[in-house]
């Protein structure tokens, strides 16, 4: 399909997941289509200014070939901005009516990129057409997922490049982020979750012979640990550095998207949340635990169980199926909650660390599958091209 312009719409709600995913898609499409006009229209830019150090909270700005525009300003100047040939509506956001009316006559392709899900119904809805009152504009659903019959997950070239760089010289990145801390040898893990009682994790880590360093990210994770620190008597060795028995804790400052990616690949394991950091953990190929976004009536558990089902099915031929099955049960227990709180849950981390080497093999194989068979950017590119 021949086109000259592409608009991406996103409503940022209350976290970094939506903007993280959309910003990643925009950057990758920019690299695929360097000569096309690309705009990202957002309802607010607070989160963007945190994940991109160049961004400012202003009405319109251009960063690395992408024009970022506040939605309110975009609507006000709609006649000047006009509409694009291709529209990406992300996560069912509301596209301004003034824009839609013009798009019916002038735009060519409207793609509704939905939330990531492992649920089976996603395969049936992927690439289904939605009828519009237009003779020229066609709209389709694009459903990210974990099988070849879905839109896949974001395996962007920048992340792959960072991963290769870390693999070539991990020491460089350890020095970049951890130099100056009196760390002890042992595994390093990142922790980025919603509110959670981590007492079972600390009990498991304290029982290990080796030391562990936890890089704790985000106010919710850090607040969860601070609550425990007051109860067990953790030693503060600095403003952001703590020690308890054989565990070191570093409270990390807010990181840009690229900095977070470097740490995810540098760490030995990653505890992540939401969607964007979840996929970064999967594509890193490292052992992980995913804290799914809480939903009413515990609907998030359906998503977690759907993921463990497809994860397990894809890895049926791994050397130790018992470890895989136990890991899936552990992931479900890790997410079992009706609210985000500091109440002690059903978590059990014994299998995770006891069978860490086998989990490295399992997660490495799953990463290979996603990269080779479920690349969302490749699938989106191919879909656009054939139209």
Protein backbone atom coordinates (compact mmCIF):
# COMPACT_ATOMS: atom_id res chain seq x y z
CA UNK A 1 0.00 0.00 0.00
CA UNK A 2 1.29 3.44 -0.91
CA UNK A 3 0.94 6.05 1.78
CA UNK A 4 2.66 9.22 2.96
CA UNK A 5 1.49 9.72 6.55
CA UNK A 6 0.57 7.79 9.67
CA UNK A 7 -1.18 8.99 12.84
CA UNK A 8 -1.11 7.05 16.12
CA UNK A 9 -3.68 7.87 18.82
CA UNK A 10 -3.29 6.91 22.48
CA UNK A 11 -5.08 7.83 25.72
CA UNK A 12 -2.68 7.48 28.63
CA UNK A 13 -4.72 6.43 31.67
CA UNK A 14 -2.87 5.98 34.96
CA UNK A 15 0.33 4.10 34.28
CA UNK A 16 3.29 3.78 31.92
CA UNK A 17 2.08 0.65 30.15
CA UNK A 18 0.02 2.33 27.41
CA UNK A 19 2.57 4.99 26.53
CA UNK A 20 5.39 2.47 26.82
CA UNK A 21 3.84 0.18 24.22
CA UNK A 22 2.71 2.96 21.88
CA UNK A 23 6.01 4.83 22.04
CA UNK A 24 7.81 1.59 21.20
CA UNK A 25 5.54 0.93 18.21
CA UNK A 26 6.02 4.50 16.97
CA UNK A 27 9.82 4.29 17.19
CA UNK A 28 9.91 0.99 15.36
CA UNK A 29 7.52 2.06 12.60
CA UNK A 30 9.65 5.18 12.20
CA UNK A 31 12.69 2.99 11.55
CA UNK A 32 10.69 0.91 9.05
CA UNK A 33 9.22 3.97 7.29
CA UNK A 34 11.87 6.70 7.70
CA UNK A 35 10.47 8.86 4.89
CA UNK A 36 6.85 8.94 6.04
CA UNK A 37 5.21 11.64 8.17
CA UNK A 38 4.47 10.18 11.59
CA UNK A 39 2.50 11.79 14.42
CA UNK A 40 1.67 10.49 17.90
CA UNK A 41 -1.37 12.18 19.45
CA UNK A 42 -1.63 11.84 23.25
CA UNK A 43 -4.15 13.08 25.80
CA UNK A 44 -1.25 13.99 28.12
CA UNK A 45 2.53 13.99 28.03
CA UNK A 46 3.55 13.64 31.70
CA UNK A 47 4.54 10.00 31.30
CA UNK A 48 6.31 10.62 27.99
CA UNK A 49 8.59 13.20 29.59
CA UNK A 50 9.69 10.55 32.08
CA UNK A 51 10.41 7.71 29.66
CA UNK A 52 12.07 10.03 27.11
CA UNK A 53 14.56 12.57 28.42
CA UNK A 54 14.13 14.82 25.35
CA UNK A 55 10.36 15.20 25.65
CA UNK A 56 8.72 18.32 27.08
CA UNK A 57 5.19 18.95 28.30
CA UNK A 58 4.26 21.21 25.38
CA UNK A 59 1.55 21.14 22.72
CA UNK A 60 3.66 19.97 19.80
CA UNK A 61 7.24 18.79 19.40
CA UNK A 62 9.35 16.62 17.12
CA UNK A 63 11.70 13.97 18.51
CA UNK A 64 13.72 11.68 16.26
CA UNK A 65 11.37 12.13 13.34
CA UNK A 66 8.13 11.62 15.29
CA UNK A 67 5.81 14.57 15.96
CA UNK A 68 4.18 14.41 19.41
CA UNK A 69 0.97 16.42 19.81
CA UNK A 70 -1.37 16.97 22.74
CA UNK A 71 -4.86 15.84 21.81
CA UNK A 72 -6.54 19.08 22.96
CA UNK A 73 -4.23 21.15 20.77
CA UNK A 74 -4.64 18.72 17.87
CA UNK A 75 -8.43 19.07 17.99
CA UNK A 76 -8.16 22.85 18.20
CA UNK A 77 -5.94 22.96 15.08
CA UNK A 78 -7.51 20.04 13.22
CA UNK A 79 -7.94 21.96 9.96
CA UNK A 80 -4.23 22.78 9.94
CA UNK A 81 -3.09 19.29 10.91
CA UNK A 82 -5.47 17.39 8.64
CA UNK A 83 -5.70 13.59 8.65
CA UNK A 84 -3.23 10.83 7.79
CA UNK A 85 -3.39 8.05 5.21
CA UNK A 86 -3.07 5.40 7.94
CA UNK A 87 -4.60 5.62 11.42
CA UNK A 88 -3.48 3.52 14.38
CA UNK A 89 -6.06 3.53 17.16
CA UNK A 90 -4.49 1.98 20.24
CA UNK A 91 -6.34 0.24 23.06
CA UNK A 92 -9.78 1.45 21.98
CA UNK A 93 -9.02 5.11 22.61
CA UNK A 94 -11.43 7.81 21.49
CA UNK A 95 -10.35 9.46 18.26
CA UNK A 96 -11.76 13.02 17.95
CA UNK A 97 -14.99 13.14 15.95
CA UNK A 98 -13.71 16.08 13.90
CA UNK A 99 -10.83 13.89 12.78
CA UNK A 100 -12.96 10.82 12.04
CA UNK A 101 -15.37 12.75 9.78
CA UNK A 102 -12.46 13.95 7.66
CA UNK A 103 -10.84 10.51 7.69
CA UNK A 104 -13.91 8.90 6.09
CA UNK A 105 -13.17 10.82 2.88
CA UNK A 106 -9.37 11.11 2.92
CA UNK A 107 -7.75 8.27 4.92
CA UNK A 108 -7.09 4.77 3.59
CA UNK A 109 -6.54 2.35 6.46
CA UNK A 110 -7.64 2.38 10.11
CA UNK A 111 -6.03 -0.23 12.38
CA UNK A 112 -7.35 -0.78 15.89
CA UNK A 113 -4.41 -2.18 17.89
CA UNK A 114 -5.88 -3.77 21.01
CA UNK A 115 -4.40 -4.86 24.34
CA UNK A 116 -2.15 -7.90 24.47
CA UNK A 117 -3.90 -11.11 25.49
CA UNK A 118 -3.22 -14.86 25.46
CA UNK A 119 -6.93 -15.70 25.47
CA UNK A 120 -8.09 -17.99 22.66
CA UNK A 121 -10.74 -15.63 21.27
CA UNK A 122 -7.99 -13.22 20.17
CA UNK A 123 -7.15 -15.49 17.23
CA UNK A 124 -10.74 -15.27 15.95
CA UNK A 125 -10.88 -11.46 16.09
CA UNK A 126 -7.41 -10.76 14.68
CA UNK A 127 -7.62 -8.95 11.32
CA UNK A 128 -11.42 -8.92 11.32
CA UNK A 129 -12.88 -5.93 9.49
CA UNK A 130 -15.16 -3.35 11.12
CA UNK A 131 -17.58 -1.70 8.72
CA UNK A 132 -17.46 2.06 8.30
CA UNK A 133 -19.71 4.56 6.46
CA UNK A 134 -16.95 5.21 3.95
CA UNK A 135 -16.09 4.09 0.43
CA UNK A 136 -12.34 4.61 0.83
CA UNK A 137 -11.45 4.00 4.50
CA UNK A 138 -11.24 0.42 5.80
CA UNK A 139 -10.93 -0.51 9.48
CA UNK A 140 -9.45 -3.71 10.93
CA UNK A 141 -8.81 -5.15 14.38
CA UNK A 142 -5.18 -6.02 15.09
CA UNK A 143 -4.90 -8.28 18.15
CA UNK A 144 -1.50 -8.70 19.84
CA UNK A 145 -0.98 -12.19 21.26
CA UNK A 146 1.31 -15.15 21.78
CA UNK A 147 0.54 -17.39 18.79
CA UNK A 148 1.21 -17.22 15.07
CA UNK A 149 -2.49 -16.63 14.45
CA UNK A 150 -2.42 -13.32 16.36
CA UNK A 151 -0.61 -10.01 15.88
CA UNK A 152 2.27 -11.14 18.10
CA UNK A 153 4.38 -9.10 20.55
CA UNK A 154 6.70 -6.14 20.02
CA UNK A 155 10.19 -7.37 19.19
CA UNK A 156 11.71 -4.03 18.27
CA UNK A 157 15.13 -3.64 16.69
CA UNK A 158 16.34 -1.22 19.37
CA UNK A 159 15.70 -3.75 22.12
CA UNK A 160 17.42 -6.50 20.15
CA UNK A 161 20.41 -4.20 19.61
CA UNK A 162 20.61 -3.42 23.33
CA UNK A 163 20.37 -7.12 24.16
CA UNK A 164 23.28 -7.95 21.87
CA UNK A 165 25.34 -5.11 23.30
CA UNK A 166 24.80 -6.31 26.87
CA UNK A 167 25.66 -9.88 25.90
CA UNK A 168 28.89 -8.66 24.33
CA UNK A 169 29.99 -6.68 27.42
CA UNK A 170 27.80 -7.14 30.49
CA UNK A 171 30.48 -5.64 32.69
CA UNK A 172 30.10 -2.31 30.93
CA UNK A 173 26.45 -2.07 31.98
CA UNK A 174 27.10 -3.33 35.50
CA UNK A 175 29.55 -0.50 35.91
CA UNK A 176 27.18 2.00 34.32
CA UNK A 177 24.36 1.37 36.78
CA UNK A 178 25.92 -0.25 39.86
CA UNK A 179 29.41 1.20 40.18
CA UNK A 180 29.96 2.58 43.66
CA UNK A 181 27.74 0.08 45.44
CA UNK A 182 29.57 -2.49 47.64
CA UNK A 183 27.86 -5.43 45.99
CA UNK A 184 28.54 -9.07 46.73
CA UNK A 185 28.75 -11.74 44.03
CA UNK A 186 25.54 -13.55 43.13
CA UNK A 187 22.43 -13.14 41.02
CA UNK A 188 20.98 -9.74 40.14
CA UNK A 189 17.26 -9.23 39.60
CA UNK A 190 15.00 -6.31 38.75
CA UNK A 191 11.72 -5.80 40.64
CA UNK A 192 8.98 -3.67 39.08
CA UNK A 193 5.52 -4.56 40.42
CA UNK A 194 2.32 -3.25 41.89
CA UNK A 195 1.90 -3.25 45.69
CA UNK A 196 2.92 -6.61 47.08
CA UNK A 197 4.03 -8.33 50.28
CA UNK A 198 7.52 -9.61 49.49
CA UNK A 199 8.11 -11.42 52.78
CA UNK A 200 7.99 -14.89 51.11
CA UNK A 201 10.55 -13.72 48.52
CA UNK A 202 12.96 -12.51 51.21
CA UNK A 203 12.52 -15.75 53.15
CA UNK A 204 13.44 -17.77 50.06
CA UNK A 205 16.42 -15.59 49.14
CA UNK A 206 17.70 -15.67 52.73
CA UNK A 207 17.71 -19.49 52.59
CA UNK A 208 20.03 -19.56 49.56
CA UNK A 209 23.78 -20.01 49.89
CA UNK A 210 24.58 -17.22 47.43
CA UNK A 211 23.87 -13.51 47.70
CA UNK A 212 21.20 -11.74 45.65
CA UNK A 213 20.96 -8.11 44.57
CA UNK A 214 17.49 -6.70 43.90
CA UNK A 215 17.17 -3.56 41.76
CA UNK A 216 13.84 -2.18 42.95
CA UNK A 217 12.00 0.15 40.57
CA UNK A 218 8.94 2.33 40.93
CA UNK A 219 7.18 3.81 43.94
CA UNK A 220 4.85 0.84 44.41
CA UNK A 221 7.64 -1.73 44.56
CA UNK A 222 9.88 0.45 46.69
CA UNK A 223 7.03 1.26 49.08
CA UNK A 224 6.24 -2.44 49.43
CA UNK A 225 9.81 -3.22 50.45
CA UNK A 226 10.06 -0.26 52.83
CA UNK A 227 7.07 -1.61 54.72
CA UNK A 228 8.91 -4.89 55.28
CA UNK A 229 12.19 -3.17 56.09
CA UNK A 230 10.64 -1.56 59.14
CA UNK A 231 9.51 -4.94 60.43
CA UNK A 232 12.66 -7.03 59.95
CA UNK A 233 15.37 -4.48 60.67
CA UNK A 234 17.04 -3.87 57.32
CA UNK A 235 20.33 -2.00 57.40
CA UNK A 236 20.49 1.24 55.40
CA UNK A 237 23.95 1.66 53.88
CA UNK A 238 23.07 4.79 51.91
CA UNK A 239 20.19 6.83 50.57
CA UNK A 240 19.12 4.10 48.14
CA UNK A 241 21.15 1.07 49.26
CA UNK A 242 20.01 -1.46 51.86
CA UNK A 243 21.23 -4.83 53.13
CA UNK A 244 19.57 -7.68 54.99
CA UNK A 245 21.46 -10.93 55.51
CA UNK A 246 22.58 -12.14 52.06
CA UNK A 247 20.32 -9.73 50.14
CA UNK A 248 21.28 -6.29 48.82
CA UNK A 249 18.60 -3.82 47.72
CA UNK A 250 19.16 -0.86 45.42
CA UNK A 251 16.27 1.56 44.93
CA UNK A 252 16.71 2.70 41.35
CA UNK A 253 15.78 6.21 40.14
CA UNK A 254 13.20 6.56 37.37
CA UNK A 255 14.73 5.24 34.14
CA UNK A 256 14.10 6.08 30.51
CA UNK A 257 12.71 3.31 28.32
CA UNK A 258 16.16 2.54 26.90
CA UNK A 259 17.82 2.52 30.33
CA UNK A 260 15.24 0.09 31.65
CA UNK A 261 15.87 -2.18 28.66
CA UNK A 262 19.59 -2.18 29.40
CA UNK A 263 18.97 -3.28 32.99
CA UNK A 264 16.44 -5.96 32.02
CA UNK A 265 19.08 -7.53 29.79
CA UNK A 266 21.86 -7.06 32.33
CA UNK A 267 19.95 -8.74 35.19
CA UNK A 268 19.77 -12.50 35.73
CA UNK A 269 16.00 -12.43 36.33
CA UNK A 270 13.17 -9.90 36.10
CA UNK A 271 9.99 -9.40 38.11
CA UNK A 272 7.79 -7.19 35.92
CA UNK A 273 4.28 -5.79 35.70
CA UNK A 274 1.66 -4.69 33.16
CA UNK A 275 2.27 -5.26 29.47
CA UNK A 276 5.34 -3.42 28.18
CA UNK A 277 7.80 -4.55 30.84
CA UNK A 278 6.28 -8.05 30.65
CA UNK A 279 7.19 -8.36 26.98
CA UNK A 280 10.67 -6.91 27.62
CA UNK A 281 11.20 -9.69 30.16
CA UNK A 282 10.01 -12.37 27.73
CA UNK A 283 12.16 -11.09 24.87
CA UNK A 284 15.20 -10.88 27.14
CA UNK A 285 14.98 -14.66 27.51
CA UNK A 286 15.63 -14.44 31.27
CA UNK A 287 13.59 -16.12 34.05
CA UNK A 288 10.71 -13.84 35.05
CA UNK A 289 7.60 -13.36 37.13
CA UNK A 290 4.78 -11.22 35.77
CA UNK A 291 2.48 -9.14 38.00
CA UNK A 292 -0.60 -8.66 35.81
CA UNK A 293 -2.67 -5.48 35.94
CA UNK A 294 -5.45 -5.99 38.50
CA UNK A 295 -9.00 -6.14 37.10
CA UNK A 296 -12.46 -6.21 38.69
CA UNK A 297 -13.80 -9.60 39.79
CA UNK A 298 -10.26 -10.95 39.41
CA UNK A 299 -10.65 -11.02 35.62
CA UNK A 300 -6.87 -10.64 35.36
CA UNK A 301 -6.58 -14.27 36.48
CA UNK A 302 -8.23 -15.35 33.23
CA UNK A 303 -5.46 -13.55 31.36
CA UNK A 304 -2.74 -15.07 33.55
CA UNK A 305 -4.12 -18.59 33.14
CA UNK A 306 -4.50 -18.09 29.40
CA UNK A 307 -0.84 -17.08 29.24
CA UNK A 308 0.40 -20.03 31.31
CA UNK A 309 -1.63 -22.34 29.04
CA UNK A 310 -0.10 -21.04 25.80
CA UNK A 311 3.35 -20.75 27.43
CA UNK A 312 3.19 -24.38 28.57
CA UNK A 313 1.84 -25.62 25.23
CA UNK A 314 4.62 -23.94 23.27
CA UNK A 315 7.25 -25.55 25.54
CA UNK A 316 5.91 -29.10 25.67
CA UNK A 317 9.27 -30.55 24.65
CA UNK A 318 11.46 -28.93 27.32
CA UNK A 319 13.79 -31.23 29.23
CA UNK A 320 12.00 -30.92 32.58
CA UNK A 321 8.23 -30.62 32.21
CA UNK A 322 7.71 -30.78 35.99
CA UNK A 323 9.67 -27.55 36.47
CA UNK A 324 7.63 -25.88 33.73
CA UNK A 325 4.34 -26.99 35.28
CA UNK A 326 5.41 -25.79 38.73
CA UNK A 327 6.53 -22.44 37.30
CA UNK A 328 3.11 -21.93 35.69
CA UNK A 329 1.39 -22.71 38.99
CA UNK A 330 3.74 -20.31 40.73
CA UNK A 331 2.94 -17.54 38.25
CA UNK A 332 -0.77 -18.00 38.87
CA UNK A 333 -0.31 -17.94 42.66
CA UNK A 334 1.85 -14.84 42.32
CA UNK A 335 -1.10 -13.02 40.71
CA UNK A 336 -3.95 -14.35 42.85
CA UNK A 337 -5.44 -11.27 44.52
CA UNK A 338 -8.65 -9.24 44.62
CA UNK A 339 -6.84 -5.99 45.38
CA UNK A 340 -3.36 -4.52 45.25
CA UNK A 341 -2.22 -4.50 48.86
CA UNK A 342 0.50 -5.52 51.28
CA UNK A 343 -1.46 -8.56 52.46
CA UNK A 344 0.53 -11.77 52.34
CA UNK A 345 -0.45 -13.78 49.28
CA UNK A 346 0.04 -17.33 48.01
CA UNK A 347 3.51 -16.66 46.61
CA UNK A 348 6.12 -19.40 46.71
CA UNK A 349 9.53 -18.74 45.16
CA UNK A 350 11.26 -22.01 46.04
CA UNK A 351 10.90 -23.58 42.57
CA UNK A 352 11.97 -20.39 40.84
CA UNK A 353 15.40 -20.28 42.47
CA UNK A 354 15.92 -24.01 43.07
CA UNK A 355 15.45 -24.76 39.38
CA UNK A 356 16.85 -21.51 38.04
CA UNK A 357 19.08 -23.17 35.42
CA UNK A 358 16.16 -25.09 33.93
CA UNK A 359 14.06 -21.90 33.88
CA UNK A 360 16.86 -20.19 31.96
CA UNK A 361 16.53 -22.89 29.30
CA UNK A 362 12.72 -22.63 29.27
CA UNK A 363 12.65 -18.84 28.99
CA UNK A 364 15.41 -18.85 26.38
CA UNK A 365 13.42 -21.21 24.16
CA UNK A 366 10.26 -19.18 24.54
CA UNK A 367 12.16 -16.03 23.60
CA UNK A 368 13.38 -17.72 20.42
CA UNK A 369 9.80 -18.62 19.51
CA UNK A 370 8.51 -15.07 20.03
CA UNK A 371 11.32 -13.47 18.04
CA UNK A 372 11.02 -15.85 15.09
CA UNK A 373 7.27 -16.47 14.95
CA UNK A 374 5.42 -13.69 16.81
CA UNK A 375 6.98 -10.38 15.84
CA UNK A 376 4.23 -7.76 15.97
CA UNK A 377 6.18 -5.14 14.04
CA UNK A 378 6.81 -7.54 11.16
CA UNK A 379 3.15 -8.58 11.16
CA UNK A 380 1.94 -4.98 11.22
CA UNK A 381 4.33 -4.03 8.43
CA UNK A 382 3.19 -6.96 6.25
CA UNK A 383 -0.46 -6.09 6.86
CA UNK A 384 0.05 -2.46 5.85
CA UNK A 385 2.04 -3.42 2.77
CA UNK A 386 -0.55 -5.85 1.41
CA UNK A 387 -3.22 -3.15 1.56
